[in-house]
Amino acid sequence: MQGFLKPYQVEQIKKKYPPGTHLQLDHMEGEHDMPDGLQGVVKHIDDQGQLHMAWQNGRSLALIPNEDQFHIIQPEQKQEENKIRVLVVEPGKAPYARR
């Protein structure tokens, strides 16, 4: 369990993970409904430094820095996930993939 953080430590967390930051869960111990790889968005950070989230599975469980394992999803990663790859097949040509 995380001990109490000093105010400057909470401010550092707030700067690193502002509301709207997209995170991916690497591991949360003891929460079977929170699988590794789950993604969510930071809604706010409380005075204890816990990141209150909106998870893609509908839950709102908070992340605890230094206890839960997670990382920021970079904007280019999010854009790549939203792109569709298609296979183009033209008569007389070899098929090729395109985004």
PDB file of N, CA and C in Angstrom:
ATOM      1  N   MET A   1       0.844  -1.194   0.000  1.00  0.00           N
ATOM      2  CA  MET A   1       0.000   0.000   0.000  1.00  0.00           C
ATOM      3  C   MET A   1       0.878   1.242   0.000  1.00  0.00           C
ATOM      4  N   GLN A   2       0.472   2.219  -0.749  1.00  0.00           N
ATOM      5  CA  GLN A   2       1.205   3.467  -0.875  1.00  0.00           C
ATOM      6  C   GLN A   2       1.036   4.305   0.386  1.00  0.00           C
ATOM      7  N   GLY A   3       2.135   4.905   0.861  1.00  0.00           N
ATOM      8  CA  GLY A   3       2.053   5.813   1.992  1.00  0.00           C
ATOM      9  C   GLY A   3       1.554   7.168   1.532  1.00  0.00           C
ATOM     10  N   PHE A   4       1.449   8.101   2.468  1.00  0.00           N
ATOM     11  CA  PHE A   4       1.000   9.443   2.116  1.00  0.00           C
ATOM     12  C   PHE A   4       2.069  10.152   1.304  1.00  0.00           C
ATOM     13  N   LEU A   5       1.640  10.842   0.269  1.00  0.00           N
ATOM     14  CA  LEU A   5       2.558  11.611  -0.568  1.00  0.00           C
ATOM     15  C   LEU A   5       2.611  13.052  -0.083  1.00  0.00           C
ATOM     16  N   LYS A   6       3.747  13.658  -0.295  1.00  0.00           N
ATOM     17  CA  LYS A   6       3.896  15.073   0.021  1.00  0.00           C
ATOM     18  C   LYS A   6       3.211  15.880  -1.087  1.00  0.00           C
ATOM     19  N   PRO A   7       2.755  17.100  -0.779  1.00  0.00           N
ATOM     20  CA  PRO A   7       2.064  17.907  -1.795  1.00  0.00           C
ATOM     21  C   PRO A   7       2.848  18.075  -3.094  1.00  0.00           C
ATOM     22  N   TYR A   8       4.173  18.243  -3.010  1.00  0.00           N
ATOM     23  CA  TYR A   8       4.947  18.416  -4.245  1.00  0.00           C
ATOM     24  C   TYR A   8       4.938  17.140  -5.084  1.00  0.00           C
ATOM     25  N   GLN A   9       4.849  15.954  -4.430  1.00  0.00           N
ATOM     26  CA  GLN A   9       4.786  14.691  -5.170  1.00  0.00           C
ATOM     27  C   GLN A   9       3.458  14.569  -5.913  1.00  0.00           C
ATOM     28  N   VAL A  10       2.380  14.982  -5.274  1.00  0.00           N
ATOM     29  CA  VAL A  10       1.061  14.964  -5.918  1.00  0.00           C
ATOM     30  C   VAL A  10       1.059  15.916  -7.106  1.00  0.00           C
ATOM     31  N   GLU A  11       1.683  17.086  -6.955  1.00  0.00           N
ATOM     32  CA  GLU A  11       1.765  18.047  -8.065  1.00  0.00           C
ATOM     33  C   GLU A  11       2.547  17.471  -9.243  1.00  0.00           C
ATOM     34  N   GLN A  12       3.607  16.710  -8.963  1.00  0.00           N
ATOM     35  CA  GLN A  12       4.373  16.070 -10.032  1.00  0.00           C
ATOM     36  C   GLN A  12       3.505  15.066 -10.796  1.00  0.00           C
ATOM     37  N   ILE A  13       2.699  14.309 -10.071  1.00  0.00           N
ATOM     38  CA  ILE A  13       1.797  13.335 -10.696  1.00  0.00           C
ATOM     39  C   ILE A  13       0.774  14.068 -11.559  1.00  0.00           C
ATOM     40  N   LYS A  14       0.235  15.170 -11.033  1.00  0.00           N
ATOM     41  CA  LYS A  14      -0.758  15.935 -11.791  1.00  0.00           C
ATOM     42  C   LYS A  14      -0.167  16.505 -13.077  1.00  0.00           C
ATOM     43  N   LYS A  15       1.099  16.913 -13.043  1.00  0.00           N
ATOM     44  CA  LYS A  15       1.748  17.430 -14.253  1.00  0.00           C
ATOM     45  C   LYS A  15       2.029  16.317 -15.252  1.00  0.00           C
ATOM     46  N   LYS A  16       2.399  15.148 -14.755  1.00  0.00           N
ATOM     47  CA  LYS A  16       2.748  14.027 -15.640  1.00  0.00           C
ATOM     48  C   LYS A  16       1.518  13.404 -16.286  1.00  0.00           C
ATOM     49  N   TYR A  17       0.394  13.375 -15.557  1.00  0.00           N
ATOM     50  CA  TYR A  17      -0.837  12.728 -16.034  1.00  0.00           C
ATOM     51  C   TYR A  17      -2.024  13.691 -15.968  1.00  0.00           C
ATOM     52  N   PRO A  18      -2.040  14.746 -16.771  1.00  0.00           N
ATOM     53  CA  PRO A  18      -3.174  15.680 -16.720  1.00  0.00           C
ATOM     54  C   PRO A  18      -4.462  15.012 -17.200  1.00  0.00           C
ATOM     55  N   PRO A  19      -5.621  15.547 -16.806  1.00  0.00           N
ATOM     56  CA  PRO A  19      -6.890  14.998 -17.300  1.00  0.00           C
ATOM     57  C   PRO A  19      -6.867  14.902 -18.823  1.00  0.00           C
ATOM     58  N   GLY A  20      -7.394  13.781 -19.323  1.00  0.00           N
ATOM     59  CA  GLY A  20      -7.410  13.540 -20.757  1.00  0.00           C
ATOM     60  C   GLY A  20      -6.273  12.647 -21.233  1.00  0.00           C
ATOM     61  N   THR A  21      -5.290  12.396 -20.350  1.00  0.00           N
ATOM     62  CA  THR A  21      -4.173  11.517 -20.717  1.00  0.00           C
ATOM     63  C   THR A  21      -4.686  10.093 -20.893  1.00  0.00           C
ATOM     64  N   HIS A  22      -4.291   9.448 -21.993  1.00  0.00           N
ATOM     65  CA  HIS A  22      -4.676   8.061 -22.263  1.00  0.00           C
ATOM     66  C   HIS A  22      -3.620   7.136 -21.684  1.00  0.00           C
ATOM     67  N   LEU A  23      -4.059   6.171 -20.881  1.00  0.00           N
ATOM     68  CA  LEU A  23      -3.153   5.232 -20.228  1.00  0.00           C
ATOM     69  C   LEU A  23      -3.531   3.798 -20.584  1.00  0.00           C
ATOM     70  N   GLN A  24      -2.546   2.921 -20.518  1.00  0.00           N
ATOM     71  CA  GLN A  24      -2.792   1.496 -20.683  1.00  0.00           C
ATOM     72  C   GLN A  24      -2.317   0.789 -19.425  1.00  0.00           C
ATOM     73  N   LEU A  25      -3.150  -0.081 -18.910  1.00  0.00           N
ATOM     74  CA  LEU A  25      -2.836  -0.832 -17.703  1.00  0.00           C
ATOM     75  C   LEU A  25      -1.900  -1.986 -18.051  1.00  0.00           C
ATOM     76  N   ASP A  26      -0.775  -2.059 -17.351  1.00  0.00           N
ATOM     77  CA  ASP A  26       0.142  -3.182 -17.522  1.00  0.00           C
ATOM     78  C   ASP A  26      -0.199  -4.285 -16.523  1.00  0.00           C
ATOM     79  N   HIS A  27      -0.527  -3.888 -15.281  1.00  0.00           N
ATOM     80  CA  HIS A  27      -0.954  -4.880 -14.288  1.00  0.00           C
ATOM     81  C   HIS A  27      -1.523  -4.183 -13.056  1.00  0.00           C
ATOM     82  N   MET A  28      -2.621  -4.741 -12.551  1.00  0.00           N
ATOM     83  CA  MET A  28      -3.221  -4.278 -11.308  1.00  0.00           C
ATOM     84  C   MET A  28      -3.489  -5.529 -10.470  1.00  0.00           C
ATOM     85  N   GLU A  29      -2.821  -5.633  -9.364  1.00  0.00           N
ATOM     86  CA  GLU A  29      -2.918  -6.819  -8.507  1.00  0.00           C
ATOM     87  C   GLU A  29      -4.293  -6.920  -7.852  1.00  0.00           C
ATOM     88  N   GLY A  30      -4.875  -8.106  -7.907  1.00  0.00           N
ATOM     89  CA  GLY A  30      -6.109  -8.397  -7.179  1.00  0.00           C
ATOM     90  C   GLY A  30      -7.395  -7.913  -7.820  1.00  0.00           C
ATOM     91  N   GLU A  31      -7.337  -7.392  -9.015  1.00  0.00           N
ATOM     92  CA  GLU A  31      -8.543  -6.907  -9.702  1.00  0.00           C
ATOM     93  C   GLU A  31      -8.750  -7.710 -10.979  1.00  0.00           C
ATOM     94  N   HIS A  32      -9.557  -8.752 -10.904  1.00  0.00           N
ATOM     95  CA  HIS A  32      -9.755  -9.648 -12.039  1.00  0.00           C
ATOM     96  C   HIS A  32     -10.531  -9.001 -13.185  1.00  0.00           C
ATOM     97  N   ASP A  33     -11.307  -7.956 -12.892  1.00  0.00           N
ATOM     98  CA  ASP A  33     -12.060  -7.250 -13.940  1.00  0.00           C
ATOM     99  C   ASP A  33     -11.214  -6.185 -14.636  1.00  0.00           C
ATOM    100  N   MET A  34      -9.939  -6.097 -14.279  1.00  0.00           N
ATOM    101  CA  MET A  34      -9.033  -5.089 -14.850  1.00  0.00           C
ATOM    102  C   MET A  34      -7.871  -5.810 -15.535  1.00  0.00           C
ATOM    103  N   PRO A  35      -8.108  -6.331 -16.741  1.00  0.00           N
ATOM    104  CA  PRO A  35      -7.073  -7.131 -17.408  1.00  0.00           C
ATOM    105  C   PRO A  35      -5.901  -6.275 -17.898  1.00  0.00           C
ATOM    106  N   ASP A  36      -4.742  -6.897 -17.956  1.00  0.00           N
ATOM    107  CA  ASP A  36      -3.569  -6.250 -18.521  1.00  0.00           C
ATOM    108  C   ASP A  36      -3.906  -5.825 -19.947  1.00  0.00           C
ATOM    109  N   GLY A  37      -3.472  -4.625 -20.340  1.00  0.00           N
ATOM    110  CA  GLY A  37      -3.741  -4.105 -21.675  1.00  0.00           C
ATOM    111  C   GLY A  37      -4.973  -3.218 -21.758  1.00  0.00           C
ATOM    112  N   LEU A  38      -5.780  -3.175 -20.685  1.00  0.00           N
ATOM    113  CA  LEU A  38      -6.980  -2.333 -20.664  1.00  0.00           C
ATOM    114  C   LEU A  38      -6.571  -0.867 -20.791  1.00  0.00           C
ATOM    115  N   GLN A  39      -7.344  -0.097 -21.540  1.00  0.00           N
ATOM    116  CA  GLN A  39      -7.027   1.315 -21.737  1.00  0.00           C
ATOM    117  C   GLN A  39      -8.082   2.201 -21.082  1.00  0.00           C
ATOM    118  N   GLY A  40      -7.645   3.400 -20.709  1.00  0.00           N
ATOM    119  CA  GLY A  40      -8.555   4.347 -20.090  1.00  0.00           C
ATOM    120  C   GLY A  40      -8.016   5.763 -20.200  1.00  0.00           C
ATOM    121  N   VAL A  41      -8.831   6.698 -19.707  1.00  0.00           N
ATOM    122  CA  VAL A  41      -8.501   8.125 -19.767  1.00  0.00           C
ATOM    123  C   VAL A  41      -8.545   8.700 -18.355  1.00  0.00           C
ATOM    124  N   VAL A  42      -7.539   9.511 -18.021  1.00  0.00           N
ATOM    125  CA  VAL A  42      -7.491  10.161 -16.709  1.00  0.00           C
ATOM    126  C   VAL A  42      -8.607  11.199 -16.640  1.00  0.00           C
ATOM    127  N   LYS A  43      -9.437  11.112 -15.603  1.00  0.00           N
ATOM    128  CA  LYS A  43     -10.498  12.100 -15.373  1.00  0.00           C
ATOM    129  C   LYS A  43     -10.031  13.185 -14.407  1.00  0.00           C
ATOM    130  N   HIS A  44      -9.437  12.779 -13.296  1.00  0.00           N
ATOM    131  CA  HIS A  44      -8.848  13.733 -12.353  1.00  0.00           C
ATOM    132  C   HIS A  44      -7.904  12.990 -11.410  1.00  0.00           C
ATOM    133  N   ILE A  45      -7.120  13.768 -10.662  1.00  0.00           N
ATOM    134  CA  ILE A  45      -6.188  13.211  -9.691  1.00  0.00           C
ATOM    135  C   ILE A  45      -6.549  13.802  -8.336  1.00  0.00           C
ATOM    136  N   ASP A  46      -6.708  12.922  -7.351  1.00  0.00           N
ATOM    137  CA  ASP A  46      -7.110  13.406  -6.028  1.00  0.00           C
ATOM    138  C   ASP A  46      -5.899  13.866  -5.217  1.00  0.00           C
ATOM    139  N   ASP A  47      -6.151  14.318  -3.988  1.00  0.00           N
ATOM    140  CA  ASP A  47      -5.095  14.866  -3.132  1.00  0.00           C
ATOM    141  C   ASP A  47      -4.116  13.811  -2.623  1.00  0.00           C
ATOM    142  N   GLN A  48      -4.429  12.524  -2.844  1.00  0.00           N
ATOM    143  CA  GLN A  48      -3.519  11.437  -2.473  1.00  0.00           C
ATOM    144  C   GLN A  48      -2.687  10.975  -3.665  1.00  0.00           C
ATOM    145  N   GLY A  49      -2.890  11.610  -4.828  1.00  0.00           N
ATOM    146  CA  GLY A  49      -2.128  11.256  -6.016  1.00  0.00           C
ATOM    147  C   GLY A  49      -2.691  10.084  -6.793  1.00  0.00           C
ATOM    148  N   GLN A  50      -3.917   9.653  -6.475  1.00  0.00           N
ATOM    149  CA  GLN A  50      -4.545   8.562  -7.213  1.00  0.00           C
ATOM    150  C   GLN A  50      -5.177   9.097  -8.488  1.00  0.00           C
ATOM    151  N   LEU A  51      -4.997   8.353  -9.588  1.00  0.00           N
ATOM    152  CA  LEU A  51      -5.510   8.755 -10.888  1.00  0.00           C
ATOM    153  C   LEU A  51      -6.892   8.140 -11.080  1.00  0.00           C
ATOM    154  N   HIS A  52      -7.910   8.977 -11.069  1.00  0.00           N
ATOM    155  CA  HIS A  52      -9.280   8.497 -11.265  1.00  0.00           C
ATOM    156  C   HIS A  52      -9.527   8.405 -12.769  1.00  0.00           C
ATOM    157  N   MET A  53     -10.003   7.242 -13.191  1.00  0.00           N
ATOM    158  CA  MET A  53     -10.013   6.883 -14.601  1.00  0.00           C
ATOM    159  C   MET A  53     -11.419   6.609 -15.130  1.00  0.00           C
ATOM    160  N   ALA A  54     -11.543   6.720 -16.435  1.00  0.00           N
ATOM    161  CA  ALA A  54     -12.709   6.211 -17.174  1.00  0.00           C
ATOM    162  C   ALA A  54     -12.141   5.097 -18.045  1.00  0.00           C
ATOM    163  N   TRP A  55     -12.388   3.856 -17.661  1.00  0.00           N
ATOM    164  CA  TRP A  55     -11.841   2.698 -18.364  1.00  0.00           C
ATOM    165  C   TRP A  55     -12.749   2.265 -19.497  1.00  0.00           C
ATOM    166  N   GLN A  56     -12.172   1.651 -20.532  1.00  0.00           N
ATOM    167  CA  GLN A  56     -12.947   1.202 -21.690  1.00  0.00           C
ATOM    168  C   GLN A  56     -13.915   0.074 -21.338  1.00  0.00           C
ATOM    169  N   ASN A  57     -13.761  -0.558 -20.173  1.00  0.00           N
ATOM    170  CA  ASN A  57     -14.705  -1.588 -19.752  1.00  0.00           C
ATOM    171  C   ASN A  57     -15.839  -1.020 -18.899  1.00  0.00           C
ATOM    172  N   GLY A  58     -15.891   0.325 -18.785  1.00  0.00           N
ATOM    173  CA  GLY A  58     -16.972   0.969 -18.052  1.00  0.00           C
ATOM    174  C   GLY A  58     -16.679   1.214 -16.580  1.00  0.00           C
ATOM    175  N   ARG A  59     -15.604   0.666 -16.062  1.00  0.00           N
ATOM    176  CA  ARG A  59     -15.269   0.870 -14.654  1.00  0.00           C
ATOM    177  C   ARG A  59     -14.598   2.219 -14.447  1.00  0.00           C
ATOM    178  N   SER A  60     -14.538   2.654 -13.199  1.00  0.00           N
ATOM    179  CA  SER A  60     -13.924   3.940 -12.872  1.00  0.00           C
ATOM    180  C   SER A  60     -12.893   3.795 -11.755  1.00  0.00           C
ATOM    181  N   LEU A  61     -12.319   2.614 -11.631  1.00  0.00           N
ATOM    182  CA  LEU A  61     -11.350   2.337 -10.586  1.00  0.00           C
ATOM    183  C   LEU A  61     -10.104   3.206 -10.748  1.00  0.00           C
ATOM    184  N   ALA A  62      -9.612   3.755  -9.641  1.00  0.00           N
ATOM    185  CA  ALA A  62      -8.439   4.634  -9.663  1.00  0.00           C
ATOM    186  C   ALA A  62      -7.147   3.828  -9.756  1.00  0.00           C
ATOM    187  N   LEU A  63      -6.151   4.427 -10.395  1.00  0.00           N
ATOM    188  CA  LEU A  63      -4.798   3.872 -10.432  1.00  0.00           C
ATOM    189  C   LEU A  63      -3.995   4.481  -9.298  1.00  0.00           C
ATOM    190  N   ILE A  64      -3.127   3.671  -8.697  1.00  0.00           N
ATOM    191  CA  ILE A  64      -2.258   4.156  -7.633  1.00  0.00           C
ATOM    192  C   ILE A  64      -0.822   4.093  -8.144  1.00  0.00           C
ATOM    193  N   PRO A  65      -0.201   5.254  -8.388  1.00  0.00           N
ATOM    194  CA  PRO A  65       1.191   5.259  -8.845  1.00  0.00           C
ATOM    195  C   PRO A  65       2.090   4.519  -7.849  1.00  0.00           C
ATOM    196  N   ASN A  66       3.092   3.849  -8.365  1.00  0.00           N
ATOM    197  CA  ASN A  66       4.052   3.062  -7.587  1.00  0.00           C
ATOM    198  C   ASN A  66       3.448   1.790  -6.992  1.00  0.00           C
ATOM    199  N   GLU A  67       2.181   1.547  -7.255  1.00  0.00           N
ATOM    200  CA  GLU A  67       1.563   0.280  -6.838  1.00  0.00           C
ATOM    201  C   GLU A  67       1.022  -0.445  -8.068  1.00  0.00           C
ATOM    202  N   ASP A  68       0.239   0.254  -8.872  1.00  0.00           N
ATOM    203  CA  ASP A  68      -0.269  -0.310 -10.125  1.00  0.00           C
ATOM    204  C   ASP A  68       0.741  -0.026 -11.227  1.00  0.00           C
ATOM    205  N   GLN A  69       0.771  -0.908 -12.217  1.00  0.00           N
ATOM    206  CA  GLN A  69       1.704  -0.742 -13.332  1.00  0.00           C
ATOM    207  C   GLN A  69       0.925  -0.303 -14.561  1.00  0.00           C
ATOM    208  N   PHE A  70       1.360   0.809 -15.176  1.00  0.00           N
ATOM    209  CA  PHE A  70       0.667   1.376 -16.327  1.00  0.00           C
ATOM    210  C   PHE A  70       1.617   2.276 -17.087  1.00  0.00           C
ATOM    211  N   HIS A  71       1.214   2.646 -18.304  1.00  0.00           N
ATOM    212  CA  HIS A  71       2.030   3.575 -19.083  1.00  0.00           C
ATOM    213  C   HIS A  71       1.134   4.460 -19.943  1.00  0.00           C
ATOM    214  N   ILE A  72       1.698   5.585 -20.351  1.00  0.00           N
ATOM    215  CA  ILE A  72       0.997   6.531 -21.223  1.00  0.00           C
ATOM    216  C   ILE A  72       0.957   5.969 -22.630  1.00  0.00           C
ATOM    217  N   ILE A  73      -0.190   6.101 -23.289  1.00  0.00           N
ATOM    218  CA  ILE A  73      -0.307   5.747 -24.700  1.00  0.00           C
ATOM    219  C   ILE A  73      -0.008   7.021 -25.483  1.00  0.00           C
ATOM    220  N   GLN A  74       1.045   6.985 -26.267  1.00  0.00           N
ATOM    221  CA  GLN A  74       1.448   8.152 -27.042  1.00  0.00           C
ATOM    222  C   GLN A  74       0.416   8.442 -28.131  1.00  0.00           C
ATOM    223  N   PRO A  75       0.236   9.715 -28.491  1.00  0.00           N
ATOM    224  CA  PRO A  75      -0.762  10.081 -29.511  1.00  0.00           C
ATOM    225  C   PRO A  75      -0.602   9.316 -30.826  1.00  0.00           C
ATOM    226  N   GLU A  76       0.647   9.098 -31.287  1.00  0.00           N
ATOM    227  CA  GLU A  76       0.814   8.374 -32.547  1.00  0.00           C
ATOM    228  C   GLU A  76       0.375   6.921 -32.413  1.00  0.00           C
ATOM    229  N   GLN A  77       0.494   6.327 -31.217  1.00  0.00           N
ATOM    230  CA  GLN A  77       0.016   4.968 -31.001  1.00  0.00           C
ATOM    231  C   GLN A  77      -1.506   4.931 -31.135  1.00  0.00           C
ATOM    232  N   LYS A  78      -2.189   5.938 -30.580  1.00  0.00           N
ATOM    233  CA  LYS A  78      -3.647   5.978 -30.663  1.00  0.00           C
ATOM    234  C   LYS A  78      -4.092   6.120 -32.105  1.00  0.00           C
ATOM    235  N   GLN A  79      -3.401   6.962 -32.874  1.00  0.00           N
ATOM    236  CA  GLN A  79      -3.764   7.153 -34.273  1.00  0.00           C
ATOM    237  C   GLN A  79      -3.568   5.868 -35.062  1.00  0.00           C
ATOM    238  N   GLU A  80      -2.473   5.147 -34.823  1.00  0.00           N
ATOM    239  CA  GLU A  80      -2.214   3.908 -35.547  1.00  0.00           C
ATOM    240  C   GLU A  80      -3.278   2.867 -35.228  1.00  0.00           C
ATOM    241  N   GLU A  81      -3.746   2.821 -33.976  1.00  0.00           N
ATOM    242  CA  GLU A  81      -4.764   1.853 -33.588  1.00  0.00           C
ATOM    243  C   GLU A  81      -6.084   2.121 -34.306  1.00  0.00           C
ATOM    244  N   ASN A  82      -6.350   3.383 -34.667  1.00  0.00           N
ATOM    245  CA  ASN A  82      -7.614   3.746 -35.293  1.00  0.00           C
ATOM    246  C   ASN A  82      -7.600   3.590 -36.806  1.00  0.00           C
ATOM    247  N   LYS A  83      -6.436   3.310 -37.375  1.00  0.00           N
ATOM    248  CA  LYS A  83      -6.349   3.158 -38.822  1.00  0.00           C
ATOM    249  C   LYS A  83      -6.732   1.746 -39.236  1.00  0.00           C
ATOM    250  N   ILE A  84      -7.276   1.643 -40.434  1.00  0.00           N
ATOM    251  CA  ILE A  84      -7.683   0.354 -40.988  1.00  0.00           C
ATOM    252  C   ILE A  84      -6.727  -0.006 -42.113  1.00  0.00           C
ATOM    253  N   ARG A  85      -6.266  -1.241 -42.124  1.00  0.00           N
ATOM    254  CA  ARG A  85      -5.464  -1.730 -43.250  1.00  0.00           C
ATOM    255  C   ARG A  85      -6.392  -2.505 -44.162  1.00  0.00           C
ATOM    256  N   VAL A  86      -6.270  -2.258 -45.463  1.00  0.00           N
ATOM    257  CA  VAL A  86      -7.091  -2.972 -46.441  1.00  0.00           C
ATOM    258  C   VAL A  86      -6.174  -3.661 -47.445  1.00  0.00           C
ATOM    259  N   LEU A  87      -6.655  -4.728 -48.002  1.00  0.00           N
ATOM    260  CA  LEU A  87      -5.937  -5.438 -49.043  1.00  0.00           C
ATOM    261  C   LEU A  87      -6.555  -5.037 -50.375  1.00  0.00           C
ATOM    262  N   VAL A  88      -5.735  -4.431 -51.232  1.00  0.00           N
ATOM    263  CA  VAL A  88      -6.201  -3.974 -52.539  1.00  0.00           C
ATOM    264  C   VAL A  88      -5.890  -5.064 -53.558  1.00  0.00           C
ATOM    265  N   VAL A  89      -6.929  -5.491 -54.263  1.00  0.00           N
ATOM    266  CA  VAL A  89      -6.765  -6.521 -55.289  1.00  0.00           C
ATOM    267  C   VAL A  89      -7.234  -5.924 -56.612  1.00  0.00           C
ATOM    268  N   GLU A  90      -6.278  -5.772 -57.546  1.00  0.00           N
ATOM    269  CA  GLU A  90      -6.587  -5.223 -58.861  1.00  0.00           C
ATOM    270  C   GLU A  90      -6.318  -6.306 -59.909  1.00  0.00           C
ATOM    271  N   PRO A  91      -7.148  -6.365 -60.923  1.00  0.00           N
ATOM    272  CA  PRO A  91      -6.944  -7.374 -61.970  1.00  0.00           C
ATOM    273  C   PRO A  91      -5.549  -7.252 -62.596  1.00  0.00           C
ATOM    274  N   GLY A  92      -4.863  -8.372 -62.701  1.00  0.00           N
ATOM    275  CA  GLY A  92      -3.567  -8.421 -63.330  1.00  0.00           C
ATOM    276  C   GLY A  92      -2.421  -7.919 -62.487  1.00  0.00           C
ATOM    277  N   LYS A  93      -2.679  -7.545 -61.207  1.00  0.00           N
ATOM    278  CA  LYS A  93      -1.624  -7.051 -60.314  1.00  0.00           C
ATOM    279  C   LYS A  93      -1.599  -7.890 -59.042  1.00  0.00           C
ATOM    280  N   ALA A  94      -0.449  -7.900 -58.420  1.00  0.00           N
ATOM    281  CA  ALA A  94      -0.318  -8.604 -57.129  1.00  0.00           C
ATOM    282  C   ALA A  94      -1.068  -7.807 -56.056  1.00  0.00           C
ATOM    283  N   PRO A  95      -1.775  -8.480 -55.121  1.00  0.00           N
ATOM    284  CA  PRO A  95      -2.463  -7.769 -54.034  1.00  0.00           C
ATOM    285  C   PRO A  95      -1.445  -7.022 -53.166  1.00  0.00           C
ATOM    286  N   TYR A  96      -1.873  -5.872 -52.608  1.00  0.00           N
ATOM    287  CA  TYR A  96      -1.007  -5.112 -51.715  1.00  0.00           C
ATOM    288  C   TYR A  96      -1.855  -4.478 -50.619  1.00  0.00           C
ATOM    289  N   ALA A  97      -1.178  -4.248 -49.468  1.00  0.00           N
ATOM    290  CA  ALA A  97      -1.868  -3.653 -48.321  1.00  0.00           C
ATOM    291  C   ALA A  97      -1.711  -2.150 -48.359  1.00  0.00           C
ATOM    292  N   ARG A  98      -2.751  -1.473 -47.874  1.00  0.00           N
ATOM    293  CA  ARG A  98      -2.740  -0.016 -47.823  1.00  0.00           C
ATOM    294  C   ARG A  98      -3.497   0.443 -46.572  1.00  0.00           C
ATOM    295  N   ARG A  99      -3.036   1.554 -46.004  1.00  0.00           N
ATOM    296  CA  ARG A  99      -3.725   2.152 -44.836  1.00  0.00           C
ATOM    297  C   ARG A  99      -4.589   3.283 -45.298  1.00  0.00           C
TER     298      ARG A  99
END
